[in-house]
Amino acid sequence: MSTAPVIAAVDGSEDSMRALEWALADARRRAAPLRVVHVRQYAAWGQADVLVAGPPEAEGDPVLDEVRSRLADRAELPAVEYVALEGVPGAVLPELGTDAQLLVLGSRGRGGFASLLLGSNGLAAARDAECPVVVVPPPGREVHGDGPAEPGPRVVVGLHADSPDEAVLAFAFAEAALRNARVQVIAAYPWPVQTWSAPGQSAPPPVDQNAVERETRALAQGFLAPHRKRHPEVRADAEALPGDAAGHLVAASRDAELVVVGRHRRRLLAPARMMGSVTQAVLLHAASPIAVVPPGAPEE
């Protein structure tokens, strides 16, 4: 296992304490150290006329003191490090991912509006961090649609059959292996297919939905093959479903261990980091923790 830490970002809110518990359990599974980080808002070094010698001391930070007290009597803790930083959390948190296995935070921080489904810090971290980011939602989110067909732990992953990201699939399989869970792969295809014809021209022949579904499932099975070989202990079931990818992933999040989605890869004409509409919708509405995985290196 890597010795890079699992990072839990805390600010004293209930959402961040739930994220701390999730990060603690994941650090145990990974045999990794846990780094608990509190970013103090509005840093002195962010002011043009003030110089600061270094970061604040972790000792005496009330948020970190609360976490220490919370973990004081826990048995079998991993190695825990406490770090206090100053700055704008939305800018500082993504930078923490450069030397971490995972960055974990809650849906909303202490300073967020209660009506927000996802705070700006979580959005910035999920969009910009170099490592996978897990956002832990509040309990009680309702999702619509049918529940899982069978009981048991599941890791749900979204697969874009036209442009799959190997990093997303690799992360989903690795997490499932750590959790003794199966992988539920959701490969959505656009349906109904929109067809147009110019006035006076005959319409193109109708598209056979069954054929599209079979092709999508076949593509998904092919993309899963190397990951099944790498993790023979992990069962993976691929589902080809019509229509709204985000809706299918949100519905599958009920009672799931984790939902795994990817970010958009940077493009020549769109160099900024982007998450995409499906990932944003899953972050806003999924009932289970959501892992946003940065894209892998593009293939030659």
C-alpha atoms as a PDB file:
ATOM      1  CA  MET A   1       0.000   0.000   0.000  1.00  0.00           C
ATOM      2  CA  SER A   2       1.097   3.577  -0.595  1.00  0.00           C
ATOM      3  CA  THR A   3       2.256   5.565   2.430  1.00  0.00           C
ATOM      4  CA  ALA A   4       0.592   8.721   1.090  1.00  0.00           C
ATOM      5  CA  PRO A   5      -2.112   9.859   3.511  1.00  0.00           C
ATOM      6  CA  VAL A   6      -5.865   9.948   3.329  1.00  0.00           C
ATOM      7  CA  ILE A   7      -6.777  13.581   4.055  1.00  0.00           C
ATOM      8  CA  ALA A   8      -9.913  14.598   5.930  1.00  0.00           C
ATOM      9  CA  ALA A   9     -10.784  18.289   5.635  1.00  0.00           C
ATOM     10  CA  VAL A  10     -12.619  19.469   8.768  1.00  0.00           C
ATOM     11  CA  ASP A  11     -14.126  22.759   9.882  1.00  0.00           C
ATOM     12  CA  GLY A  12     -16.149  21.729  12.938  1.00  0.00           C
ATOM     13  CA  SER A  13     -19.423  21.254  11.048  1.00  0.00           C
ATOM     14  CA  GLU A  14     -21.439  18.055  11.302  1.00  0.00           C
ATOM     15  CA  ASP A  15     -20.875  17.425   7.608  1.00  0.00           C
ATOM     16  CA  SER A  16     -17.104  17.552   8.074  1.00  0.00           C
ATOM     17  CA  MET A  17     -17.294  15.220  11.085  1.00  0.00           C
ATOM     18  CA  ARG A  18     -19.136  12.661   8.942  1.00  0.00           C
ATOM     19  CA  ALA A  19     -16.396  13.058   6.358  1.00  0.00           C
ATOM     20  CA  LEU A  20     -13.787  12.499   9.094  1.00  0.00           C
ATOM     21  CA  GLU A  21     -15.397   9.188  10.077  1.00  0.00           C
ATOM     22  CA  TRP A  22     -15.513   8.072   6.443  1.00  0.00           C
ATOM     23  CA  ALA A  23     -11.851   9.034   5.918  1.00  0.00           C
ATOM     24  CA  LEU A  24     -10.826   7.236   9.111  1.00  0.00           C
ATOM     25  CA  ALA A  25     -12.464   3.990   7.971  1.00  0.00           C
ATOM     26  CA  ASP A  26     -10.926   4.296   4.516  1.00  0.00           C
ATOM     27  CA  ALA A  27      -7.452   4.953   5.938  1.00  0.00           C
ATOM     28  CA  ARG A  28      -7.790   1.755   7.977  1.00  0.00           C
ATOM     29  CA  ARG A  29      -8.766  -0.208   4.862  1.00  0.00           C
ATOM     30  CA  ARG A  30      -5.822   1.201   2.927  1.00  0.00           C
ATOM     31  CA  ALA A  31      -3.353   0.809   5.823  1.00  0.00           C
ATOM     32  CA  ALA A  32      -2.590   4.496   5.242  1.00  0.00           C
ATOM     33  CA  PRO A  33      -1.960   7.382   7.636  1.00  0.00           C
ATOM     34  CA  LEU A  34      -4.759   9.879   8.220  1.00  0.00           C
ATOM     35  CA  ARG A  35      -4.065  13.605   7.925  1.00  0.00           C
ATOM     36  CA  VAL A  36      -6.698  15.848   9.494  1.00  0.00           C
ATOM     37  CA  VAL A  37      -6.567  19.357   8.023  1.00  0.00           C
ATOM     38  CA  HIS A  38      -8.327  22.530   9.098  1.00  0.00           C
ATOM     39  CA  VAL A  39      -8.029  25.511   6.756  1.00  0.00           C
ATOM     40  CA  ARG A  40      -8.655  28.751   8.608  1.00  0.00           C
ATOM     41  CA  GLN A  41     -10.533  31.187   6.438  1.00  0.00           C
ATOM     42  CA  TYR A  42      -9.174  34.625   5.493  1.00  0.00           C
ATOM     43  CA  ALA A  43      -5.474  34.115   6.020  1.00  0.00           C
ATOM     44  CA  ALA A  44      -3.185  36.885   7.180  1.00  0.00           C
ATOM     45  CA  TRP A  45      -0.810  36.006   4.350  1.00  0.00           C
ATOM     46  CA  GLY A  46      -3.639  36.678   1.934  1.00  0.00           C
ATOM     47  CA  GLN A  47      -3.449  40.375   2.872  1.00  0.00           C
ATOM     48  CA  ALA A  48      -1.015  42.414   0.823  1.00  0.00           C
ATOM     49  CA  ASP A  49       0.440  44.364   3.741  1.00  0.00           C
ATOM     50  CA  VAL A  50       1.026  41.461   6.178  1.00  0.00           C
ATOM     51  CA  LEU A  51       3.883  38.950   6.236  1.00  0.00           C
ATOM     52  CA  VAL A  52       3.640  35.691   8.172  1.00  0.00           C
ATOM     53  CA  ALA A  53       6.606  33.473   9.032  1.00  0.00           C
ATOM     54  CA  GLY A  54       4.797  30.177   8.493  1.00  0.00           C
ATOM     55  CA  PRO A  55       1.555  28.240   8.886  1.00  0.00           C
ATOM     56  CA  PRO A  56      -0.313  28.380  12.207  1.00  0.00           C
ATOM     57  CA  GLU A  57       0.379  25.804  14.881  1.00  0.00           C
ATOM     58  CA  ALA A  58      -1.993  22.850  15.003  1.00  0.00           C
ATOM     59  CA  GLU A  59      -1.883  23.038  18.807  1.00  0.00           C
ATOM     60  CA  GLY A  60      -4.561  25.376  20.066  1.00  0.00           C
ATOM     61  CA  ASP A  61      -6.740  25.123  16.977  1.00  0.00           C
ATOM     62  CA  PRO A  62     -10.252  24.562  18.438  1.00  0.00           C
ATOM     63  CA  VAL A  63     -11.457  22.553  15.436  1.00  0.00           C
ATOM     64  CA  LEU A  64      -8.470  20.197  15.570  1.00  0.00           C
ATOM     65  CA  ASP A  65      -8.776  20.020  19.365  1.00  0.00           C
ATOM     66  CA  GLU A  66     -12.372  18.821  18.895  1.00  0.00           C
ATOM     67  CA  VAL A  67     -11.179  16.103  16.509  1.00  0.00           C
ATOM     68  CA  ARG A  68      -8.442  15.013  18.945  1.00  0.00           C
ATOM     69  CA  SER A  69     -11.045  14.715  21.678  1.00  0.00           C
ATOM     70  CA  ARG A  70     -13.350  12.782  19.364  1.00  0.00           C
ATOM     71  CA  LEU A  71     -10.636  10.254  18.500  1.00  0.00           C
ATOM     72  CA  ALA A  72      -8.957  10.088  21.910  1.00  0.00           C
ATOM     73  CA  ASP A  73     -10.522   6.808  23.051  1.00  0.00           C
ATOM     74  CA  ARG A  74     -10.643   5.063  19.673  1.00  0.00           C
ATOM     75  CA  ALA A  75      -8.881   1.735  19.347  1.00  0.00           C
ATOM     76  CA  GLU A  76      -6.719   0.699  16.404  1.00  0.00           C
ATOM     77  CA  LEU A  77      -6.330   4.163  14.950  1.00  0.00           C
ATOM     78  CA  PRO A  78      -3.998   4.625  12.000  1.00  0.00           C
ATOM     79  CA  ALA A  79      -1.207   7.142  12.363  1.00  0.00           C
ATOM     80  CA  VAL A  80      -2.959  10.517  12.641  1.00  0.00           C
ATOM     81  CA  GLU A  81      -1.405  13.884  11.801  1.00  0.00           C
ATOM     82  CA  TYR A  82      -3.103  17.215  12.548  1.00  0.00           C
ATOM     83  CA  VAL A  83      -2.416  20.181  10.269  1.00  0.00           C
ATOM     84  CA  ALA A  84      -3.694  23.751  10.556  1.00  0.00           C
ATOM     85  CA  LEU A  85      -3.436  25.977   7.498  1.00  0.00           C
ATOM     86  CA  GLU A  86      -4.522  29.496   6.643  1.00  0.00           C
ATOM     87  CA  GLY A  87      -6.023  30.615   3.390  1.00  0.00           C
ATOM     88  CA  VAL A  88      -9.132  30.483   1.277  1.00  0.00           C
ATOM     89  CA  PRO A  89     -10.339  26.864   1.613  1.00  0.00           C
ATOM     90  CA  GLY A  90     -11.519  26.669  -1.988  1.00  0.00           C
ATOM     91  CA  ALA A  91      -7.961  27.405  -3.121  1.00  0.00           C
ATOM     92  CA  VAL A  92      -6.012  25.561  -0.423  1.00  0.00           C
ATOM     93  CA  LEU A  93      -7.958  22.282  -0.330  1.00  0.00           C
ATOM     94  CA  PRO A  94      -7.290  21.269  -3.962  1.00  0.00           C
ATOM     95  CA  GLU A  95      -3.555  21.774  -3.413  1.00  0.00           C
ATOM     96  CA  LEU A  96      -3.583  19.169  -0.635  1.00  0.00           C
ATOM     97  CA  GLY A  97      -4.245  16.468  -3.226  1.00  0.00           C
ATOM     98  CA  THR A  98      -0.741  16.621  -4.691  1.00  0.00           C
ATOM     99  CA  ASP A  99       0.646  14.187  -2.096  1.00  0.00           C
ATOM    100  CA  ALA A 100      -2.500  12.329  -0.967  1.00  0.00           C
ATOM    101  CA  GLN A 101      -4.227   9.077  -1.856  1.00  0.00           C
ATOM    102  CA  LEU A 102      -7.604  10.632  -1.249  1.00  0.00           C
ATOM    103  CA  LEU A 103      -9.153  13.913  -0.111  1.00  0.00           C
ATOM    104  CA  VAL A 104     -12.398  13.575   1.855  1.00  0.00           C
ATOM    105  CA  LEU A 105     -14.788  16.359   2.838  1.00  0.00           C
ATOM    106  CA  GLY A 106     -18.420  16.967   3.630  1.00  0.00           C
ATOM    107  CA  SER A 107     -21.077  18.364   1.330  1.00  0.00           C
ATOM    108  CA  ARG A 108     -21.263  21.687   3.113  1.00  0.00           C
ATOM    109  CA  GLY A 109     -18.977  23.518   5.477  1.00  0.00           C
ATOM    110  CA  ARG A 110     -19.766  25.578   8.520  1.00  0.00           C
ATOM    111  CA  GLY A 111     -19.963  28.786   6.498  1.00  0.00           C
ATOM    112  CA  GLY A 112     -22.276  27.478   3.763  1.00  0.00           C
ATOM    113  CA  PHE A 113     -25.931  28.304   3.304  1.00  0.00           C
ATOM    114  CA  ALA A 114     -28.196  25.574   4.632  1.00  0.00           C
ATOM    115  CA  SER A 115     -30.078  25.507   1.327  1.00  0.00           C
ATOM    116  CA  LEU A 116     -26.982  24.586  -0.694  1.00  0.00           C
ATOM    117  CA  LEU A 117     -26.716  20.951  -1.737  1.00  0.00           C
ATOM    118  CA  LEU A 118     -22.962  21.242  -2.236  1.00  0.00           C
ATOM    119  CA  GLY A 119     -20.640  23.893  -0.820  1.00  0.00           C
ATOM    120  CA  SER A 120     -18.185  25.868  -2.921  1.00  0.00           C
ATOM    121  CA  ASN A 121     -15.179  24.243  -1.216  1.00  0.00           C
ATOM    122  CA  GLY A 122     -16.362  20.743  -2.114  1.00  0.00           C
ATOM    123  CA  LEU A 123     -17.032  21.847  -5.672  1.00  0.00           C
ATOM    124  CA  ALA A 124     -13.562  23.420  -6.006  1.00  0.00           C
ATOM    125  CA  ALA A 125     -11.794  20.393  -4.528  1.00  0.00           C
ATOM    126  CA  ALA A 126     -13.676  17.907  -6.713  1.00  0.00           C
ATOM    127  CA  ARG A 127     -12.910  19.989  -9.802  1.00  0.00           C
ATOM    128  CA  ASP A 128      -9.247  20.866  -9.177  1.00  0.00           C
ATOM    129  CA  ALA A 129      -7.530  18.339  -6.879  1.00  0.00           C
ATOM    130  CA  GLU A 130      -4.845  16.052  -8.306  1.00  0.00           C
ATOM    131  CA  CYS A 131      -6.100  13.060  -6.303  1.00  0.00           C
ATOM    132  CA  PRO A 132      -9.571  11.474  -6.100  1.00  0.00           C
ATOM    133  CA  VAL A 133     -11.967  13.507  -3.954  1.00  0.00           C
ATOM    134  CA  VAL A 134     -14.738  11.907  -1.911  1.00  0.00           C
ATOM    135  CA  VAL A 135     -17.700  14.068  -0.916  1.00  0.00           C
ATOM    136  CA  VAL A 136     -19.793  12.623   1.921  1.00  0.00           C
ATOM    137  CA  PRO A 137     -23.436  13.761   1.706  1.00  0.00           C
ATOM    138  CA  PRO A 138     -25.725  14.355   4.654  1.00  0.00           C
ATOM    139  CA  PRO A 139     -27.938  11.418   5.661  1.00  0.00           C
ATOM    140  CA  GLY A 140     -31.487  11.159   4.452  1.00  0.00           C
ATOM    141  CA  ARG A 141     -31.124  12.151   0.808  1.00  0.00           C
ATOM    142  CA  GLU A 142     -34.058  10.654  -1.075  1.00  0.00           C
ATOM    143  CA  VAL A 143     -33.477   9.146  -4.492  1.00  0.00           C
ATOM    144  CA  HIS A 144     -36.107   7.938  -6.931  1.00  0.00           C
ATOM    145  CA  GLY A 145     -36.124   4.751  -8.918  1.00  0.00           C
ATOM    146  CA  ASP A 146     -35.839   1.084  -8.122  1.00  0.00           C
ATOM    147  CA  GLY A 147     -33.418  -0.124  -5.479  1.00  0.00           C
ATOM    148  CA  PRO A 148     -30.612  -2.623  -6.103  1.00  0.00           C
ATOM    149  CA  ALA A 149     -31.680  -5.971  -7.521  1.00  0.00           C
ATOM    150  CA  GLU A 150     -29.770  -7.879  -4.844  1.00  0.00           C
ATOM    151  CA  PRO A 151     -28.394  -7.069  -1.393  1.00  0.00           C
ATOM    152  CA  GLY A 152     -24.743  -6.693  -0.538  1.00  0.00           C
ATOM    153  CA  PRO A 153     -22.074  -4.004  -0.715  1.00  0.00           C
ATOM    154  CA  ARG A 154     -21.759  -2.248  -4.074  1.00  0.00           C
ATOM    155  CA  VAL A 155     -19.464   0.303  -5.672  1.00  0.00           C
ATOM    156  CA  VAL A 156     -21.304   2.063  -8.502  1.00  0.00           C
ATOM    157  CA  VAL A 157     -19.322   3.517 -11.390  1.00  0.00           C
ATOM    158  CA  GLY A 158     -20.411   5.459 -14.431  1.00  0.00           C
ATOM    159  CA  LEU A 159     -18.936   4.382 -17.777  1.00  0.00           C
ATOM    160  CA  HIS A 160     -19.063   6.509 -20.912  1.00  0.00           C
ATOM    161  CA  ALA A 161     -18.868   3.820 -23.579  1.00  0.00           C
ATOM    162  CA  ASP A 162     -17.736   6.298 -26.246  1.00  0.00           C
ATOM    163  CA  SER A 163     -14.808   7.661 -24.213  1.00  0.00           C
ATOM    164  CA  PRO A 164     -14.099   5.565 -21.101  1.00  0.00           C
ATOM    165  CA  ASP A 165     -11.567   6.723 -18.521  1.00  0.00           C
ATOM    166  CA  GLU A 166      -9.364   3.900 -17.260  1.00  0.00           C
ATOM    167  CA  ALA A 167      -8.520   5.848 -14.086  1.00  0.00           C
ATOM    168  CA  VAL A 168     -12.193   5.892 -13.051  1.00  0.00           C
ATOM    169  CA  LEU A 169     -12.621   2.157 -13.613  1.00  0.00           C
ATOM    170  CA  ALA A 170      -9.329   1.344 -11.864  1.00  0.00           C
ATOM    171  CA  PHE A 171     -10.362   3.371  -8.806  1.00  0.00           C
ATOM    172  CA  ALA A 172     -13.797   1.706  -8.662  1.00  0.00           C
ATOM    173  CA  PHE A 173     -12.327  -1.806  -8.821  1.00  0.00           C
ATOM    174  CA  ALA A 174      -9.660  -0.989  -6.206  1.00  0.00           C
ATOM    175  CA  GLU A 175     -12.275   0.414  -3.819  1.00  0.00           C
ATOM    176  CA  ALA A 176     -14.518  -2.618  -4.357  1.00  0.00           C
ATOM    177  CA  ALA A 177     -11.588  -4.934  -3.579  1.00  0.00           C
ATOM    178  CA  LEU A 178     -10.914  -3.056  -0.328  1.00  0.00           C
ATOM    179  CA  ARG A 179     -14.576  -3.342   0.667  1.00  0.00           C
ATOM    180  CA  ASN A 180     -15.305  -6.909  -0.501  1.00  0.00           C
ATOM    181  CA  ALA A 181     -17.953  -5.358  -2.721  1.00  0.00           C
ATOM    182  CA  ARG A 182     -19.152  -5.905  -6.251  1.00  0.00           C
ATOM    183  CA  VAL A 183     -18.881  -3.248  -8.964  1.00  0.00           C
ATOM    184  CA  GLN A 184     -22.109  -2.073 -10.570  1.00  0.00           C
ATOM    185  CA  VAL A 185     -21.240  -0.453 -13.902  1.00  0.00           C
ATOM    186  CA  ILE A 186     -23.786   1.955 -15.379  1.00  0.00           C
ATOM    187  CA  ALA A 187     -23.281   2.537 -19.110  1.00  0.00           C
ATOM    188  CA  ALA A 188     -26.001   4.887 -20.344  1.00  0.00           C
ATOM    189  CA  TYR A 189     -26.722   5.418 -24.022  1.00  0.00           C
ATOM    190  CA  PRO A 190     -28.718   8.320 -25.511  1.00  0.00           C
ATOM    191  CA  TRP A 191     -32.344   7.452 -26.075  1.00  0.00           C
ATOM    192  CA  PRO A 192     -34.563   8.268 -27.820  1.00  0.00           C
ATOM    193  CA  VAL A 193     -32.262   9.103 -30.736  1.00  0.00           C
ATOM    194  CA  GLN A 194     -33.193  12.383 -32.400  1.00  0.00           C
ATOM    195  CA  THR A 195     -33.435  12.235 -36.185  1.00  0.00           C
ATOM    196  CA  TRP A 196     -34.097  15.068 -38.583  1.00  0.00           C
ATOM    197  CA  SER A 197     -34.789  15.275 -42.295  1.00  0.00           C
ATOM    198  CA  ALA A 198     -34.996  18.207 -44.665  1.00  0.00           C
ATOM    199  CA  PRO A 199     -38.416  19.097 -46.085  1.00  0.00           C
ATOM    200  CA  GLY A 200     -39.263  16.817 -48.965  1.00  0.00           C
ATOM    201  CA  GLN A 201     -36.706  14.168 -47.953  1.00  0.00           C
ATOM    202  CA  SER A 202     -37.538  10.808 -46.476  1.00  0.00           C
ATOM    203  CA  ALA A 203     -36.654  10.249 -42.809  1.00  0.00           C
ATOM    204  CA  PRO A 204     -33.723   7.939 -42.037  1.00  0.00           C
ATOM    205  CA  PRO A 205     -34.649   4.424 -40.959  1.00  0.00           C
ATOM    206  CA  PRO A 206     -35.497   4.066 -37.263  1.00  0.00           C
ATOM    207  CA  VAL A 207     -32.717   3.047 -34.893  1.00  0.00           C
ATOM    208  CA  ASP A 208     -33.099  -0.335 -33.241  1.00  0.00           C
ATOM    209  CA  GLN A 209     -32.906   0.267 -29.490  1.00  0.00           C
ATOM    210  CA  ASN A 210     -32.095  -3.373 -28.760  1.00  0.00           C
ATOM    211  CA  ALA A 211     -29.119  -3.179 -31.105  1.00  0.00           C
ATOM    212  CA  VAL A 212     -27.864   0.015 -29.439  1.00  0.00           C
ATOM    213  CA  GLU A 213     -28.216  -1.592 -26.017  1.00  0.00           C
ATOM    214  CA  ARG A 214     -26.353  -4.729 -27.099  1.00  0.00           C
ATOM    215  CA  GLU A 215     -23.548  -2.664 -28.606  1.00  0.00           C
ATOM    216  CA  THR A 216     -23.244  -0.510 -25.482  1.00  0.00           C
ATOM    217  CA  ARG A 217     -23.106  -3.581 -23.240  1.00  0.00           C
ATOM    218  CA  ALA A 218     -20.516  -5.245 -25.478  1.00  0.00           C
ATOM    219  CA  LEU A 219     -18.322  -2.146 -25.394  1.00  0.00           C
ATOM    220  CA  ALA A 220     -18.627  -1.979 -21.601  1.00  0.00           C
ATOM    221  CA  GLN A 221     -17.646  -5.631 -21.202  1.00  0.00           C
ATOM    222  CA  GLY A 222     -14.572  -5.034 -23.321  1.00  0.00           C
ATOM    223  CA  PHE A 223     -13.471  -2.059 -21.236  1.00  0.00           C
ATOM    224  CA  LEU A 224     -13.977  -4.030 -18.030  1.00  0.00           C
ATOM    225  CA  ALA A 225     -11.904  -7.032 -19.115  1.00  0.00           C
ATOM    226  CA  PRO A 226      -8.442  -5.769 -18.008  1.00  0.00           C
ATOM    227  CA  HIS A 227      -9.806  -4.637 -14.635  1.00  0.00           C
ATOM    228  CA  ARG A 228     -11.471  -8.001 -14.033  1.00  0.00           C
ATOM    229  CA  LYS A 229      -8.140  -9.656 -14.803  1.00  0.00           C
ATOM    230  CA  ARG A 230      -6.362  -7.344 -12.357  1.00  0.00           C
ATOM    231  CA  HIS A 231      -8.988  -7.951  -9.639  1.00  0.00           C
ATOM    232  CA  PRO A 232     -10.335 -11.481 -10.160  1.00  0.00           C
ATOM    233  CA  GLU A 233     -11.872 -11.407  -6.680  1.00  0.00           C
ATOM    234  CA  VAL A 234     -14.174  -8.519  -7.654  1.00  0.00           C
ATOM    235  CA  ARG A 235     -17.458  -9.284  -9.373  1.00  0.00           C
ATOM    236  CA  ALA A 236     -18.493  -6.649 -11.918  1.00  0.00           C
ATOM    237  CA  ASP A 237     -21.944  -6.362 -13.481  1.00  0.00           C
ATOM    238  CA  ALA A 238     -22.434  -4.052 -16.469  1.00  0.00           C
ATOM    239  CA  GLU A 239     -25.819  -2.478 -17.150  1.00  0.00           C
ATOM    240  CA  ALA A 240     -26.649  -0.693 -20.420  1.00  0.00           C
ATOM    241  CA  LEU A 241     -29.473   1.745 -19.705  1.00  0.00           C
ATOM    242  CA  PRO A 242     -31.241   4.272 -21.917  1.00  0.00           C
ATOM    243  CA  GLY A 243     -31.381   7.987 -21.322  1.00  0.00           C
ATOM    244  CA  ASP A 244     -30.238  10.070 -18.390  1.00  0.00           C
ATOM    245  CA  ALA A 245     -26.859   8.866 -17.086  1.00  0.00           C
ATOM    246  CA  ALA A 246     -26.990  11.085 -13.999  1.00  0.00           C
ATOM    247  CA  GLY A 247     -30.467   9.868 -13.094  1.00  0.00           C
ATOM    248  CA  HIS A 248     -29.412   6.221 -13.342  1.00  0.00           C
ATOM    249  CA  LEU A 249     -26.327   6.817 -11.182  1.00  0.00           C
ATOM    250  CA  VAL A 250     -28.307   8.708  -8.548  1.00  0.00           C
ATOM    251  CA  ALA A 251     -30.928   5.948  -8.430  1.00  0.00           C
ATOM    252  CA  ALA A 252     -28.176   3.330  -8.053  1.00  0.00           C
ATOM    253  CA  SER A 253     -26.607   5.306  -5.181  1.00  0.00           C
ATOM    254  CA  ARG A 254     -29.281   4.122  -2.738  1.00  0.00           C
ATOM    255  CA  ASP A 255     -27.513   1.922  -0.146  1.00  0.00           C
ATOM    256  CA  ALA A 256     -24.305   1.906  -2.225  1.00  0.00           C
ATOM    257  CA  GLU A 257     -20.903   2.040  -0.560  1.00  0.00           C
ATOM    258  CA  LEU A 258     -19.652   4.589  -3.069  1.00  0.00           C
ATOM    259  CA  VAL A 259     -20.500   6.123  -6.442  1.00  0.00           C
ATOM    260  CA  VAL A 260     -17.478   6.763  -8.685  1.00  0.00           C
ATOM    261  CA  VAL A 261     -17.537   9.350 -11.461  1.00  0.00           C
ATOM    262  CA  GLY A 262     -14.873  11.140 -13.476  1.00  0.00           C
ATOM    263  CA  ARG A 263     -13.917  14.640 -14.473  1.00  0.00           C
ATOM    264  CA  HIS A 264     -13.617  15.852 -18.036  1.00  0.00           C
ATOM    265  CA  ARG A 265     -10.151  15.601 -19.534  1.00  0.00           C
ATOM    266  CA  ARG A 266      -8.673  18.953 -20.555  1.00  0.00           C
ATOM    267  CA  ARG A 267      -9.011  19.694 -24.250  1.00  0.00           C
ATOM    268  CA  LEU A 268      -7.154  22.047 -26.564  1.00  0.00           C
ATOM    269  CA  LEU A 269     -10.104  24.402 -26.903  1.00  0.00           C
ATOM    270  CA  ALA A 270     -11.225  23.925 -23.284  1.00  0.00           C
ATOM    271  CA  PRO A 271      -8.039  23.909 -21.159  1.00  0.00           C
ATOM    272  CA  ALA A 272      -9.778  24.676 -17.856  1.00  0.00           C
ATOM    273  CA  ARG A 273     -10.629  21.828 -15.488  1.00  0.00           C
ATOM    274  CA  MET A 274     -14.295  20.850 -15.744  1.00  0.00           C
ATOM    275  CA  MET A 275     -16.423  18.192 -14.108  1.00  0.00           C
ATOM    276  CA  GLY A 276     -19.270  17.830 -16.567  1.00  0.00           C
ATOM    277  CA  SER A 277     -23.005  17.944 -16.024  1.00  0.00           C
ATOM    278  CA  VAL A 278     -23.364  14.270 -15.040  1.00  0.00           C
ATOM    279  CA  THR A 279     -20.705  14.508 -12.315  1.00  0.00           C
ATOM    280  CA  GLN A 280     -22.195  17.720 -10.942  1.00  0.00           C
ATOM    281  CA  ALA A 281     -25.685  16.201 -10.839  1.00  0.00           C
ATOM    282  CA  VAL A 282     -24.398  13.110  -9.015  1.00  0.00           C
ATOM    283  CA  LEU A 283     -22.559  15.287  -6.487  1.00  0.00           C
ATOM    284  CA  LEU A 284     -25.735  17.240  -5.830  1.00  0.00           C
ATOM    285  CA  HIS A 285     -28.195  14.365  -5.529  1.00  0.00           C
ATOM    286  CA  ALA A 286     -26.566  10.987  -4.806  1.00  0.00           C
ATOM    287  CA  ALA A 287     -27.433   9.381  -1.473  1.00  0.00           C
ATOM    288  CA  SER A 288     -24.059   7.676  -0.976  1.00  0.00           C
ATOM    289  CA  PRO A 289     -20.543   9.133  -0.801  1.00  0.00           C
ATOM    290  CA  ILE A 290     -19.321  10.221  -4.229  1.00  0.00           C
ATOM    291  CA  ALA A 291     -15.744   9.840  -5.486  1.00  0.00           C
ATOM    292  CA  VAL A 292     -14.673  12.220  -8.259  1.00  0.00           C
ATOM    293  CA  VAL A 293     -11.595  10.816  -9.988  1.00  0.00           C
ATOM    294  CA  PRO A 294      -9.270  13.029 -12.044  1.00  0.00           C
ATOM    295  CA  PRO A 295      -8.682  11.825 -15.594  1.00  0.00           C
ATOM    296  CA  GLY A 296      -5.791   9.521 -16.340  1.00  0.00           C
ATOM    297  CA  ALA A 297      -3.076  10.424 -18.805  1.00  0.00           C
ATOM    298  CA  PRO A 298      -4.400  10.395 -22.358  1.00  0.00           C
ATOM    299  CA  GLU A 299      -3.395   7.419 -24.451  1.00  0.00           C
ATOM    300  CA  GLU A 300      -0.943   7.961 -27.302  1.00  0.00           C
END
